[in-house]
Amino acid sequence: MEDDEEEFTALFRRHYPRVLAFVSRRTDQSRAHDVVAETFATAWRHFRRLPAEPLPWLYRVARNSLANEDRAARRQLRLAERIAGRGVAHAADHAGSVVADVGLRDALARLSPADREALLLIGWEGLNNDDAAQVMGCSTVAFKVRLHRARRRLARLLEAADRADTAPPRDLYGAASPTRRSA
């Protein structure tokens, strides 16, 4: 039992910063610490069955924990709306504000959650396709297809945003404004 504790402590020290960073990019700091604590509690319960490289497994547990909390929050919101008998305004998600490029952040926000997650696992978390597939709960081949499609969708969104930025100004009715010539 003491050996397990020492091994788990080493695992915790090695992976805690990366798991916390992974979760922090997806939620606020106070919630992130709770999710990471739950992730490592789950890891302790399954310690003898962890894969040789546990980081993708830890990411998956953290991701599932966040999804469970999101579902619970939506259920609570729906209940509150039913009780109040009226709609409740949704708070904005500020997790994307860490992305410096506004155009990229906006394009990522317009992607589906699955597309966004595939891109972030590779681009931000630095996982390889095998590990990212494990986090997403699919085969490596399926993940590669998802990633390819997500990259294509992101490129189309960025191209559309570039075209919109370089388009001539339009009047209120969508017609191009006439350009003035100097005499």
Protein backbone atom coordinates (compact mmCIF):
# COMPACT_ATOMS: atom_id res chain seq x y z
CA MET A 1 0.00 0.00 0.00
CA GLU A 2 2.85 2.35 0.79
CA ASP A 3 4.42 1.70 -2.62
CA ASP A 4 1.10 2.60 -4.25
CA GLU A 5 1.02 5.87 -2.37
CA GLU A 6 4.56 6.72 -3.41
CA GLU A 7 3.87 5.84 -7.06
CA PHE A 8 0.62 7.80 -7.03
CA THR A 9 2.35 10.80 -5.44
CA ALA A 10 4.94 10.70 -8.23
CA LEU A 11 2.18 10.44 -10.86
CA PHE A 12 0.33 13.33 -9.24
CA ARG A 13 3.42 15.57 -9.13
CA ARG A 14 4.30 14.72 -12.74
CA HIS A 15 0.86 15.29 -14.27
CA TYR A 16 -0.98 17.74 -11.99
CA PRO A 17 0.29 20.92 -13.72
CA ARG A 18 -0.70 19.70 -17.20
CA VAL A 19 -4.11 18.42 -16.09
CA LEU A 20 -4.77 21.72 -14.29
CA ALA A 21 -3.75 23.68 -17.39
CA PHE A 22 -5.98 21.46 -19.57
CA VAL A 23 -9.00 22.04 -17.32
CA SER A 24 -8.23 25.74 -16.74
CA ARG A 25 -8.47 26.41 -20.45
CA ARG A 26 -11.99 24.97 -20.39
CA THR A 27 -13.45 26.52 -17.23
CA ASP A 28 -12.83 29.10 -14.49
CA GLN A 29 -10.07 28.65 -11.90
CA SER A 30 -12.23 27.77 -8.89
CA ARG A 31 -14.04 25.06 -10.83
CA ALA A 32 -10.78 23.87 -12.41
CA HIS A 33 -9.26 22.92 -9.06
CA ASP A 34 -12.39 20.93 -8.11
CA VAL A 35 -12.37 19.07 -11.43
CA VAL A 36 -8.66 18.25 -11.13
CA ALA A 37 -9.17 17.00 -7.57
CA GLU A 38 -12.00 14.77 -8.79
CA THR A 39 -9.81 13.57 -11.68
CA PHE A 40 -7.00 12.48 -9.38
CA ALA A 41 -9.45 10.91 -6.91
CA THR A 42 -10.72 8.81 -9.81
CA ALA A 43 -7.12 8.01 -10.78
CA TRP A 44 -6.47 6.80 -7.24
CA ARG A 45 -9.53 4.53 -7.35
CA HIS A 46 -8.31 3.03 -10.64
CA PHE A 47 -4.60 3.29 -9.92
CA ARG A 48 -3.68 -0.35 -10.61
CA ARG A 49 -5.51 -0.23 -13.97
CA LEU A 50 -4.01 3.00 -15.33
CA PRO A 51 -2.29 2.80 -18.71
CA ALA A 52 1.49 3.06 -18.92
CA GLU A 53 1.15 6.67 -20.11
CA PRO A 54 -1.73 8.01 -17.98
CA LEU A 55 -1.91 11.62 -19.23
CA PRO A 56 -4.47 11.02 -22.02
CA TRP A 57 -6.53 8.93 -19.58
CA LEU A 58 -6.39 11.79 -17.03
CA TYR A 59 -7.45 14.29 -19.72
CA ARG A 60 -10.38 12.05 -20.60
CA VAL A 61 -11.50 11.76 -16.98
CA ALA A 62 -11.22 15.55 -16.57
CA ARG A 63 -13.14 16.13 -19.79
CA ASN A 64 -15.89 13.74 -18.69
CA SER A 65 -16.05 15.42 -15.30
CA LEU A 66 -16.49 18.82 -16.95
CA ALA A 67 -19.21 17.41 -19.20
CA ASN A 68 -21.03 15.92 -16.19
CA GLU A 69 -20.89 19.25 -14.38
CA ASP A 70 -22.12 21.09 -17.48
CA ARG A 71 -25.08 18.72 -17.78
CA ALA A 72 -25.90 19.18 -14.09
CA ALA A 73 -25.70 22.98 -14.46
CA ARG A 74 -28.04 22.88 -17.48
CA ARG A 75 -30.51 20.74 -15.53
CA GLN A 76 -30.41 23.21 -12.65
CA LEU A 77 -30.91 26.12 -15.03
CA ARG A 78 -33.90 24.44 -16.71
CA LEU A 79 -35.40 23.73 -13.30
CA ALA A 80 -34.88 27.33 -12.20
CA GLU A 81 -36.48 28.55 -15.44
CA ARG A 82 -39.47 26.27 -14.94
CA ILE A 83 -39.87 27.41 -11.36
CA ALA A 84 -39.53 31.08 -12.29
CA GLY A 85 -41.77 30.63 -15.32
CA ARG A 86 -39.52 32.73 -17.51
CA GLY A 87 -36.22 32.51 -19.38
CA VAL A 88 -32.91 33.22 -17.72
CA ALA A 89 -30.10 35.03 -19.55
CA HIS A 90 -27.03 32.86 -20.10
CA ALA A 91 -23.65 34.10 -18.92
CA ALA A 92 -20.92 34.41 -21.52
CA ASP A 93 -18.12 31.83 -21.51
CA HIS A 94 -14.78 33.61 -21.16
CA ALA A 95 -12.57 30.54 -21.62
CA GLY A 96 -11.76 31.56 -25.18
CA SER A 97 -10.36 34.91 -24.08
CA VAL A 98 -6.93 33.32 -23.61
CA VAL A 99 -6.57 33.19 -27.37
CA ALA A 100 -4.84 36.40 -28.39
CA ASP A 101 -6.05 36.51 -31.98
CA VAL A 102 -9.63 37.73 -31.98
CA GLY A 103 -10.31 36.32 -35.44
CA LEU A 104 -9.09 32.89 -34.45
CA ARG A 105 -11.02 33.00 -31.17
CA ASP A 106 -14.21 33.94 -33.03
CA ALA A 107 -13.68 31.21 -35.61
CA LEU A 108 -13.02 28.62 -32.89
CA ALA A 109 -16.18 29.71 -31.09
CA ARG A 110 -18.21 29.12 -34.24
CA LEU A 111 -16.97 25.53 -34.54
CA SER A 112 -18.84 22.66 -32.94
CA PRO A 113 -17.53 21.62 -29.51
CA ALA A 114 -16.16 18.38 -30.99
CA ASP A 115 -14.27 20.22 -33.75
CA ARG A 116 -12.90 22.76 -31.28
CA GLU A 117 -11.81 20.02 -28.86
CA ALA A 118 -10.00 18.07 -31.60
CA LEU A 119 -8.08 21.17 -32.67
CA LEU A 120 -7.22 22.21 -29.11
CA LEU A 121 -6.02 18.74 -28.09
CA ILE A 122 -3.47 18.82 -30.91
CA GLY A 123 -2.66 22.53 -31.10
CA TRP A 124 -2.86 23.59 -27.48
CA GLU A 125 -2.34 20.45 -25.42
CA GLY A 126 0.33 19.12 -27.79
CA LEU A 127 -1.06 15.57 -27.87
CA ASN A 128 -0.36 13.19 -30.73
CA ASN A 129 -3.25 11.65 -32.69
CA ASP A 130 -3.27 8.41 -30.66
CA ASP A 131 -3.47 10.21 -27.31
CA ALA A 132 -6.02 12.75 -28.56
CA ALA A 133 -8.17 9.90 -29.90
CA GLN A 134 -8.07 8.30 -26.47
CA VAL A 135 -9.19 11.58 -24.86
CA MET A 136 -12.03 11.93 -27.38
CA GLY A 137 -13.05 8.28 -26.93
CA CYS A 138 -12.64 7.19 -30.54
CA SER A 139 -10.18 5.30 -32.71
CA THR A 140 -7.07 7.01 -34.06
CA VAL A 141 -8.43 6.78 -37.61
CA ALA A 142 -11.74 8.38 -36.58
CA PHE A 143 -9.86 11.12 -34.74
CA LYS A 144 -7.69 11.85 -37.78
CA VAL A 145 -10.84 12.25 -39.88
CA ARG A 146 -12.40 14.53 -37.23
CA LEU A 147 -9.22 16.59 -37.06
CA HIS A 148 -8.98 16.92 -40.84
CA ARG A 149 -12.60 18.04 -41.08
CA ALA A 150 -12.20 20.43 -38.15
CA ARG A 151 -9.15 22.01 -39.77
CA ARG A 152 -11.06 22.43 -43.04
CA ARG A 153 -14.01 24.04 -41.25
CA LEU A 154 -11.71 26.37 -39.31
CA ALA A 155 -9.88 27.38 -42.50
CA ARG A 156 -13.21 28.18 -44.20
CA LEU A 157 -14.32 30.31 -41.24
CA LEU A 158 -11.02 32.20 -41.20
CA GLU A 159 -11.16 32.76 -44.97
CA ALA A 160 -14.73 34.04 -44.69
CA ALA A 161 -13.68 36.42 -41.92
CA ASP A 162 -10.76 37.67 -44.04
CA ARG A 163 -13.08 38.26 -46.99
CA ALA A 164 -15.50 40.15 -44.74
CA ASP A 165 -12.65 42.33 -43.42
CA THR A 166 -11.46 43.23 -46.93
CA ALA A 167 -14.90 43.69 -48.50
CA PRO A 168 -15.84 47.24 -49.54
CA PRO A 169 -18.04 49.09 -47.06
CA ARG A 170 -21.75 48.44 -47.48
CA ASP A 171 -24.70 50.69 -46.84
CA LEU A 172 -27.56 49.69 -44.54
CA TYR A 173 -29.24 47.69 -47.33
CA GLY A 174 -26.18 45.61 -48.21
CA ALA A 175 -25.23 47.47 -51.40
CA ALA A 176 -21.60 48.44 -51.87
CA SER A 177 -21.06 52.11 -51.08
CA PRO A 178 -19.90 54.18 -54.06
CA THR A 179 -16.25 55.11 -54.00
CA ARG A 180 -15.45 58.78 -54.28
CA ARG A 181 -12.97 59.98 -56.84
CA SER A 182 -10.93 63.05 -56.22
CA ALA A 183 -11.07 65.69 -58.92
